[in-house]
Amino acid sequence: MEPQSEKKFTPVYFKNLDALRFLAAFSVIIFHFSADIKALYPNLLEKPLTSNLLSIAEKGSLGVNFFF
């Protein structure tokens, strides 16, 4: 039987999850960018389309949880 220190750990990598990891990382970038957009253009919150898009962008912090 091998000692505990000599056992090799091989990490598991799922290549098929790369696209989902990209979307998760991109959502975090959009999340940070949306705060700047709201500060620069506060009247965007009055329009329904941009208001909805910015509210979706606020959920970008969930991408961190998904990514890891």
PDB file of N, CA and C in Angstrom:
ATOM      1  N   MET A   1       0.838  -1.179   0.000  1.00  0.00           N
ATOM      2  CA  MET A   1       0.000   0.000   0.000  1.00  0.00           C
ATOM      3  C   MET A   1       0.886   1.247   0.000  1.00  0.00           C
ATOM      4  N   GLU A   2       0.564   2.217  -0.834  1.00  0.00           N
ATOM      5  CA  GLU A   2       1.372   3.439  -0.941  1.00  0.00           C
ATOM      6  C   GLU A   2       1.078   4.382   0.212  1.00  0.00           C
ATOM      7  N   PRO A   3       2.108   5.096   0.651  1.00  0.00           N
ATOM      8  CA  PRO A   3       1.854   6.130   1.666  1.00  0.00           C
ATOM      9  C   PRO A   3       0.993   7.250   1.081  1.00  0.00           C
ATOM     10  N   GLN A   4       0.336   7.970   1.933  1.00  0.00           N
ATOM     11  CA  GLN A   4      -0.580   9.030   1.517  1.00  0.00           C
ATOM     12  C   GLN A   4       0.124  10.103   0.695  1.00  0.00           C
ATOM     13  N   SER A   5       1.375  10.424   1.026  1.00  0.00           N
ATOM     14  CA  SER A   5       2.086  11.505   0.341  1.00  0.00           C
ATOM     15  C   SER A   5       2.498  11.138  -1.074  1.00  0.00           C
ATOM     16  N   GLU A   6       2.563   9.848  -1.400  1.00  0.00           N
ATOM     17  CA  GLU A   6       3.011   9.442  -2.722  1.00  0.00           C
ATOM     18  C   GLU A   6       1.865   9.242  -3.710  1.00  0.00           C
ATOM     19  N   LYS A   7       0.634   9.325  -3.249  1.00  0.00           N
ATOM     20  CA  LYS A   7      -0.494   9.169  -4.160  1.00  0.00           C
ATOM     21  C   LYS A   7      -0.610  10.411  -5.033  1.00  0.00           C
ATOM     22  N   LYS A   8      -0.847  10.183  -6.305  1.00  0.00           N
ATOM     23  CA  LYS A   8      -0.974  11.292  -7.254  1.00  0.00           C
ATOM     24  C   LYS A   8      -2.447  11.632  -7.429  1.00  0.00           C
ATOM     25  N   PHE A   9      -2.708  12.919  -7.451  1.00  0.00           N
ATOM     26  CA  PHE A   9      -4.061  13.417  -7.685  1.00  0.00           C
ATOM     27  C   PHE A   9      -4.136  13.927  -9.108  1.00  0.00           C
ATOM     28  N   THR A  10      -5.030  13.381  -9.880  1.00  0.00           N
ATOM     29  CA  THR A  10      -5.226  13.868 -11.243  1.00  0.00           C
ATOM     30  C   THR A  10      -6.534  14.661 -11.274  1.00  0.00           C
ATOM     31  N   PRO A  11      -6.446  15.956 -11.545  1.00  0.00           N
ATOM     32  CA  PRO A  11      -7.661  16.775 -11.567  1.00  0.00           C
ATOM     33  C   PRO A  11      -8.556  16.390 -12.743  1.00  0.00           C
ATOM     34  N   VAL A  12      -9.837  16.550 -12.541  1.00  0.00           N
ATOM     35  CA  VAL A  12     -10.815  16.260 -13.586  1.00  0.00           C
ATOM     36  C   VAL A  12     -11.153  17.570 -14.283  1.00  0.00           C
ATOM     37  N   TYR A  13     -11.074  17.560 -15.601  1.00  0.00           N
ATOM     38  CA  TYR A  13     -11.366  18.757 -16.386  1.00  0.00           C
ATOM     39  C   TYR A  13     -12.454  18.418 -17.398  1.00  0.00           C
ATOM     40  N   PHE A  14     -13.539  19.183 -17.371  1.00  0.00           N
ATOM     41  CA  PHE A  14     -14.635  18.991 -18.300  1.00  0.00           C
ATOM     42  C   PHE A  14     -14.584  20.088 -19.355  1.00  0.00           C
ATOM     43  N   LYS A  15     -14.065  19.745 -20.516  1.00  0.00           N
ATOM     44  CA  LYS A  15     -13.911  20.730 -21.585  1.00  0.00           C
ATOM     45  C   LYS A  15     -15.256  21.274 -22.058  1.00  0.00           C
ATOM     46  N   ASN A  16     -16.305  20.494 -21.958  1.00  0.00           N
ATOM     47  CA  ASN A  16     -17.619  20.918 -22.428  1.00  0.00           C
ATOM     48  C   ASN A  16     -18.188  22.067 -21.602  1.00  0.00           C
ATOM     49  N   LEU A  17     -17.648  22.309 -20.432  1.00  0.00           N
ATOM     50  CA  LEU A  17     -18.142  23.397 -19.591  1.00  0.00           C
ATOM     51  C   LEU A  17     -17.477  24.740 -19.891  1.00  0.00           C
ATOM     52  N   ASP A  18     -16.549  24.772 -20.828  1.00  0.00           N
ATOM     53  CA  ASP A  18     -15.839  26.016 -21.138  1.00  0.00           C
ATOM     54  C   ASP A  18     -16.776  27.133 -21.592  1.00  0.00           C
ATOM     55  N   ALA A  19     -17.767  26.808 -22.402  1.00  0.00           N
ATOM     56  CA  ALA A  19     -18.706  27.836 -22.878  1.00  0.00           C
ATOM     57  C   ALA A  19     -19.517  28.400 -21.715  1.00  0.00           C
ATOM     58  N   LEU A  20     -19.938  27.540 -20.811  1.00  0.00           N
ATOM     59  CA  LEU A  20     -20.685  28.027 -19.646  1.00  0.00           C
ATOM     60  C   LEU A  20     -19.794  28.845 -18.713  1.00  0.00           C
ATOM     61  N   ARG A  21     -18.527  28.456 -18.606  1.00  0.00           N
ATOM     62  CA  ARG A  21     -17.595  29.242 -17.794  1.00  0.00           C
ATOM     63  C   ARG A  21     -17.379  30.618 -18.402  1.00  0.00           C
ATOM     64  N   PHE A  22     -17.326  30.675 -19.736  1.00  0.00           N
ATOM     65  CA  PHE A  22     -17.198  31.966 -20.404  1.00  0.00           C
ATOM     66  C   PHE A  22     -18.400  32.850 -20.103  1.00  0.00           C
ATOM     67  N   LEU A  23     -19.601  32.290 -20.213  1.00  0.00           N
ATOM     68  CA  LEU A  23     -20.805  33.080 -19.936  1.00  0.00           C
ATOM     69  C   LEU A  23     -20.831  33.554 -18.486  1.00  0.00           C
ATOM     70  N   ALA A  24     -20.377  32.724 -17.578  1.00  0.00           N
ATOM     71  CA  ALA A  24     -20.339  33.119 -16.167  1.00  0.00           C
ATOM     72  C   ALA A  24     -19.351  34.264 -15.961  1.00  0.00           C
ATOM     73  N   ALA A  25     -18.164  34.156 -16.545  1.00  0.00           N
ATOM     74  CA  ALA A  25     -17.167  35.222 -16.399  1.00  0.00           C
ATOM     75  C   ALA A  25     -17.638  36.502 -17.091  1.00  0.00           C
ATOM     76  N   PHE A  26     -18.257  36.363 -18.250  1.00  0.00           N
ATOM     77  CA  PHE A  26     -18.758  37.525 -18.975  1.00  0.00           C
ATOM     78  C   PHE A  26     -19.870  38.227 -18.193  1.00  0.00           C
ATOM     79  N   SER A  27     -20.712  37.451 -17.524  1.00  0.00           N
ATOM     80  CA  SER A  27     -21.785  38.062 -16.730  1.00  0.00           C
ATOM     81  C   SER A  27     -21.229  38.871 -15.565  1.00  0.00           C
ATOM     82  N   VAL A  28     -20.107  38.437 -15.016  1.00  0.00           N
ATOM     83  CA  VAL A  28     -19.476  39.210 -13.939  1.00  0.00           C
ATOM     84  C   VAL A  28     -18.917  40.524 -14.491  1.00  0.00           C
ATOM     85  N   ILE A  29     -18.326  40.476 -15.671  1.00  0.00           N
ATOM     86  CA  ILE A  29     -17.803  41.698 -16.295  1.00  0.00           C
ATOM     87  C   ILE A  29     -18.946  42.675 -16.572  1.00  0.00           C
ATOM     88  N   ILE A  30     -20.040  42.176 -17.101  1.00  0.00           N
ATOM     89  CA  ILE A  30     -21.207  43.022 -17.366  1.00  0.00           C
ATOM     90  C   ILE A  30     -21.761  43.590 -16.067  1.00  0.00           C
ATOM     91  N   PHE A  31     -21.751  42.787 -15.004  1.00  0.00           N
ATOM     92  CA  PHE A  31     -22.216  43.248 -13.698  1.00  0.00           C
ATOM     93  C   PHE A  31     -21.421  44.465 -13.235  1.00  0.00           C
ATOM     94  N   HIS A  32     -20.103  44.400 -13.363  1.00  0.00           N
ATOM     95  CA  HIS A  32     -19.265  45.526 -12.944  1.00  0.00           C
ATOM     96  C   HIS A  32     -19.440  46.720 -13.881  1.00  0.00           C
ATOM     97  N   PHE A  33     -19.617  46.455 -15.145  1.00  0.00           N
ATOM     98  CA  PHE A  33     -19.783  47.516 -16.126  1.00  0.00           C
ATOM     99  C   PHE A  33     -21.129  48.220 -15.970  1.00  0.00           C
ATOM    100  N   SER A  34     -22.161  47.491 -15.544  1.00  0.00           N
ATOM    101  CA  SER A  34     -23.496  48.085 -15.429  1.00  0.00           C
ATOM    102  C   SER A  34     -23.548  49.167 -14.353  1.00  0.00           C
ATOM    103  N   ALA A  35     -22.759  49.042 -13.319  1.00  0.00           N
ATOM    104  CA  ALA A  35     -22.730  50.077 -12.281  1.00  0.00           C
ATOM    105  C   ALA A  35     -22.201  51.393 -12.862  1.00  0.00           C
ATOM    106  N   ASP A  36     -21.198  51.289 -13.710  1.00  0.00           N
ATOM    107  CA  ASP A  36     -20.659  52.491 -14.353  1.00  0.00           C
ATOM    108  C   ASP A  36     -21.668  53.104 -15.324  1.00  0.00           C
ATOM    109  N   ILE A  37     -22.360  52.252 -16.059  1.00  0.00           N
ATOM    110  CA  ILE A  37     -23.363  52.735 -17.008  1.00  0.00           C
ATOM    111  C   ILE A  37     -24.470  53.484 -16.276  1.00  0.00           C
ATOM    112  N   LYS A  38     -24.933  52.932 -15.154  1.00  0.00           N
ATOM    113  CA  LYS A  38     -25.999  53.591 -14.387  1.00  0.00           C
ATOM    114  C   LYS A  38     -25.537  54.926 -13.829  1.00  0.00           C
ATOM    115  N   ALA A  39     -24.267  55.002 -13.452  1.00  0.00           N
ATOM    116  CA  ALA A  39     -23.757  56.255 -12.912  1.00  0.00           C
ATOM    117  C   ALA A  39     -23.601  57.307 -14.012  1.00  0.00           C
ATOM    118  N   LEU A  40     -23.175  56.896 -15.194  1.00  0.00           N
ATOM    119  CA  LEU A  40     -22.971  57.841 -16.288  1.00  0.00           C
ATOM    120  C   LEU A  40     -24.273  58.269 -16.956  1.00  0.00           C
ATOM    121  N   TYR A  41     -25.215  57.335 -17.068  1.00  0.00           N
ATOM    122  CA  TYR A  41     -26.467  57.611 -17.769  1.00  0.00           C
ATOM    123  C   TYR A  41     -27.661  57.230 -16.885  1.00  0.00           C
ATOM    124  N   PRO A  42     -27.973  58.035 -15.899  1.00  0.00           N
ATOM    125  CA  PRO A  42     -29.072  57.672 -14.988  1.00  0.00           C
ATOM    126  C   PRO A  42     -30.450  57.643 -15.659  1.00  0.00           C
ATOM    127  N   ASN A  43     -30.606  58.331 -16.792  1.00  0.00           N
ATOM    128  CA  ASN A  43     -31.916  58.334 -17.460  1.00  0.00           C
ATOM    129  C   ASN A  43     -32.211  57.022 -18.188  1.00  0.00           C
ATOM    130  N   LEU A  44     -31.242  56.125 -18.292  1.00  0.00           N
ATOM    131  CA  LEU A  44     -31.490  54.825 -18.914  1.00  0.00           C
ATOM    132  C   LEU A  44     -32.458  53.979 -18.097  1.00  0.00           C
ATOM    133  N   LEU A  45     -32.549  54.250 -16.804  1.00  0.00           N
ATOM    134  CA  LEU A  45     -33.443  53.481 -15.948  1.00  0.00           C
ATOM    135  C   LEU A  45     -34.911  53.802 -16.214  1.00  0.00           C
ATOM    136  N   GLU A  46     -35.171  54.900 -16.906  1.00  0.00           N
ATOM    137  CA  GLU A  46     -36.549  55.285 -17.204  1.00  0.00           C
ATOM    138  C   GLU A  46     -37.122  54.499 -18.381  1.00  0.00           C
ATOM    139  N   LYS A  47     -36.265  53.991 -19.248  1.00  0.00           N
ATOM    140  CA  LYS A  47     -36.726  53.263 -20.428  1.00  0.00           C
ATOM    141  C   LYS A  47     -36.896  51.780 -20.064  1.00  0.00           C
ATOM    142  N   PRO A  48     -37.979  51.167 -20.501  1.00  0.00           N
ATOM    143  CA  PRO A  48     -38.249  49.783 -20.083  1.00  0.00           C
ATOM    144  C   PRO A  48     -37.201  48.767 -20.551  1.00  0.00           C
ATOM    145  N   LEU A  49     -36.745  48.894 -21.793  1.00  0.00           N
ATOM    146  CA  LEU A  49     -35.791  47.919 -22.309  1.00  0.00           C
ATOM    147  C   LEU A  49     -34.470  47.983 -21.560  1.00  0.00           C
ATOM    148  N   THR A  50     -33.908  49.164 -21.443  1.00  0.00           N
ATOM    149  CA  THR A  50     -32.618  49.281 -20.758  1.00  0.00           C
ATOM    150  C   THR A  50     -32.760  49.020 -19.266  1.00  0.00           C
ATOM    151  N   SER A  51     -33.895  49.351 -18.699  1.00  0.00           N
ATOM    152  CA  SER A  51     -34.119  49.063 -17.292  1.00  0.00           C
ATOM    153  C   SER A  51     -34.122  47.548 -17.048  1.00  0.00           C
ATOM    154  N   ASN A  52     -34.771  46.808 -17.948  1.00  0.00           N
ATOM    155  CA  ASN A  52     -34.785  45.345 -17.823  1.00  0.00           C
ATOM    156  C   ASN A  52     -33.401  44.742 -18.033  1.00  0.00           C
ATOM    157  N   LEU A  53     -32.673  45.258 -19.008  1.00  0.00           N
ATOM    158  CA  LEU A  53     -31.323  44.746 -19.255  1.00  0.00           C
ATOM    159  C   LEU A  53     -30.395  45.010 -18.072  1.00  0.00           C
ATOM    160  N   LEU A  54     -30.519  46.187 -17.485  1.00  0.00           N
ATOM    161  CA  LEU A  54     -29.674  46.495 -16.331  1.00  0.00           C
ATOM    162  C   LEU A  54     -30.065  45.667 -15.114  1.00  0.00           C
ATOM    163  N   SER A  55     -31.333  45.347 -14.987  1.00  0.00           N
ATOM    164  CA  SER A  55     -31.731  44.497 -13.860  1.00  0.00           C
ATOM    165  C   SER A  55     -31.214  43.070 -14.043  1.00  0.00           C
ATOM    166  N   ILE A  56     -31.144  42.610 -15.287  1.00  0.00           N
ATOM    167  CA  ILE A  56     -30.545  41.298 -15.557  1.00  0.00           C
ATOM    168  C   ILE A  56     -29.048  41.347 -15.289  1.00  0.00           C
ATOM    169  N   ALA A  57     -28.406  42.450 -15.658  1.00  0.00           N
ATOM    170  CA  ALA A  57     -26.968  42.591 -15.435  1.00  0.00           C
ATOM    171  C   ALA A  57     -26.630  42.593 -13.950  1.00  0.00           C
ATOM    172  N   GLU A  58     -27.560  43.024 -13.112  1.00  0.00           N
ATOM    173  CA  GLU A  58     -27.314  43.021 -11.676  1.00  0.00           C
ATOM    174  C   GLU A  58     -27.218  41.607 -11.108  1.00  0.00           C
ATOM    175  N   LYS A  59     -27.711  40.637 -11.838  1.00  0.00           N
ATOM    176  CA  LYS A  59     -27.620  39.236 -11.409  1.00  0.00           C
ATOM    177  C   LYS A  59     -26.281  38.609 -11.804  1.00  0.00           C
ATOM    178  N   GLY A  60     -25.394  39.391 -12.380  1.00  0.00           N
ATOM    179  CA  GLY A  60     -24.106  38.879 -12.843  1.00  0.00           C
ATOM    180  C   GLY A  60     -23.216  38.353 -11.745  1.00  0.00           C
ATOM    181  N   SER A  61     -23.469  38.766 -10.530  1.00  0.00           N
ATOM    182  CA  SER A  61     -22.632  38.258  -9.434  1.00  0.00           C
ATOM    183  C   SER A  61     -22.844  36.760  -9.215  1.00  0.00           C
ATOM    184  N   LEU A  62     -23.957  36.241  -9.702  1.00  0.00           N
ATOM    185  CA  LEU A  62     -24.180  34.799  -9.603  1.00  0.00           C
ATOM    186  C   LEU A  62     -23.203  34.009 -10.478  1.00  0.00           C
ATOM    187  N   GLY A  63     -22.615  34.687 -11.463  1.00  0.00           N
ATOM    188  CA  GLY A  63     -21.635  34.038 -12.315  1.00  0.00           C
ATOM    189  C   GLY A  63     -20.402  33.581 -11.562  1.00  0.00           C
ATOM    190  N   VAL A  64     -20.066  34.263 -10.510  1.00  0.00           N
ATOM    191  CA  VAL A  64     -18.922  33.864  -9.674  1.00  0.00           C
ATOM    192  C   VAL A  64     -19.196  32.502  -9.046  1.00  0.00           C
ATOM    193  N   ASN A  65     -20.376  32.347  -8.500  1.00  0.00           N
ATOM    194  CA  ASN A  65     -20.735  31.071  -7.882  1.00  0.00           C
ATOM    195  C   ASN A  65     -20.743  29.939  -8.897  1.00  0.00           C
ATOM    196  N   PHE A  66     -21.260  30.219 -10.072  1.00  0.00           N
ATOM    197  CA  PHE A  66     -21.312  29.177 -11.093  1.00  0.00           C
ATOM    198  C   PHE A  66     -19.918  28.825 -11.611  1.00  0.00           C
ATOM    199  N   PHE A  67     -19.079  29.841 -11.793  1.00  0.00           N
ATOM    200  CA  PHE A  67     -17.759  29.624 -12.360  1.00  0.00           C
ATOM    201  C   PHE A  67     -16.925  28.669 -11.501  1.00  0.00           C
ATOM    202  N   PHE A  68     -17.001  28.867 -10.192  1.00  0.00           N
ATOM    203  CA  PHE A  68     -16.197  28.036  -9.302  1.00  0.00           C
ATOM    204  C   PHE A  68     -16.991  26.838  -8.828  1.00  0.00           C
TER     205      PHE A  68
END
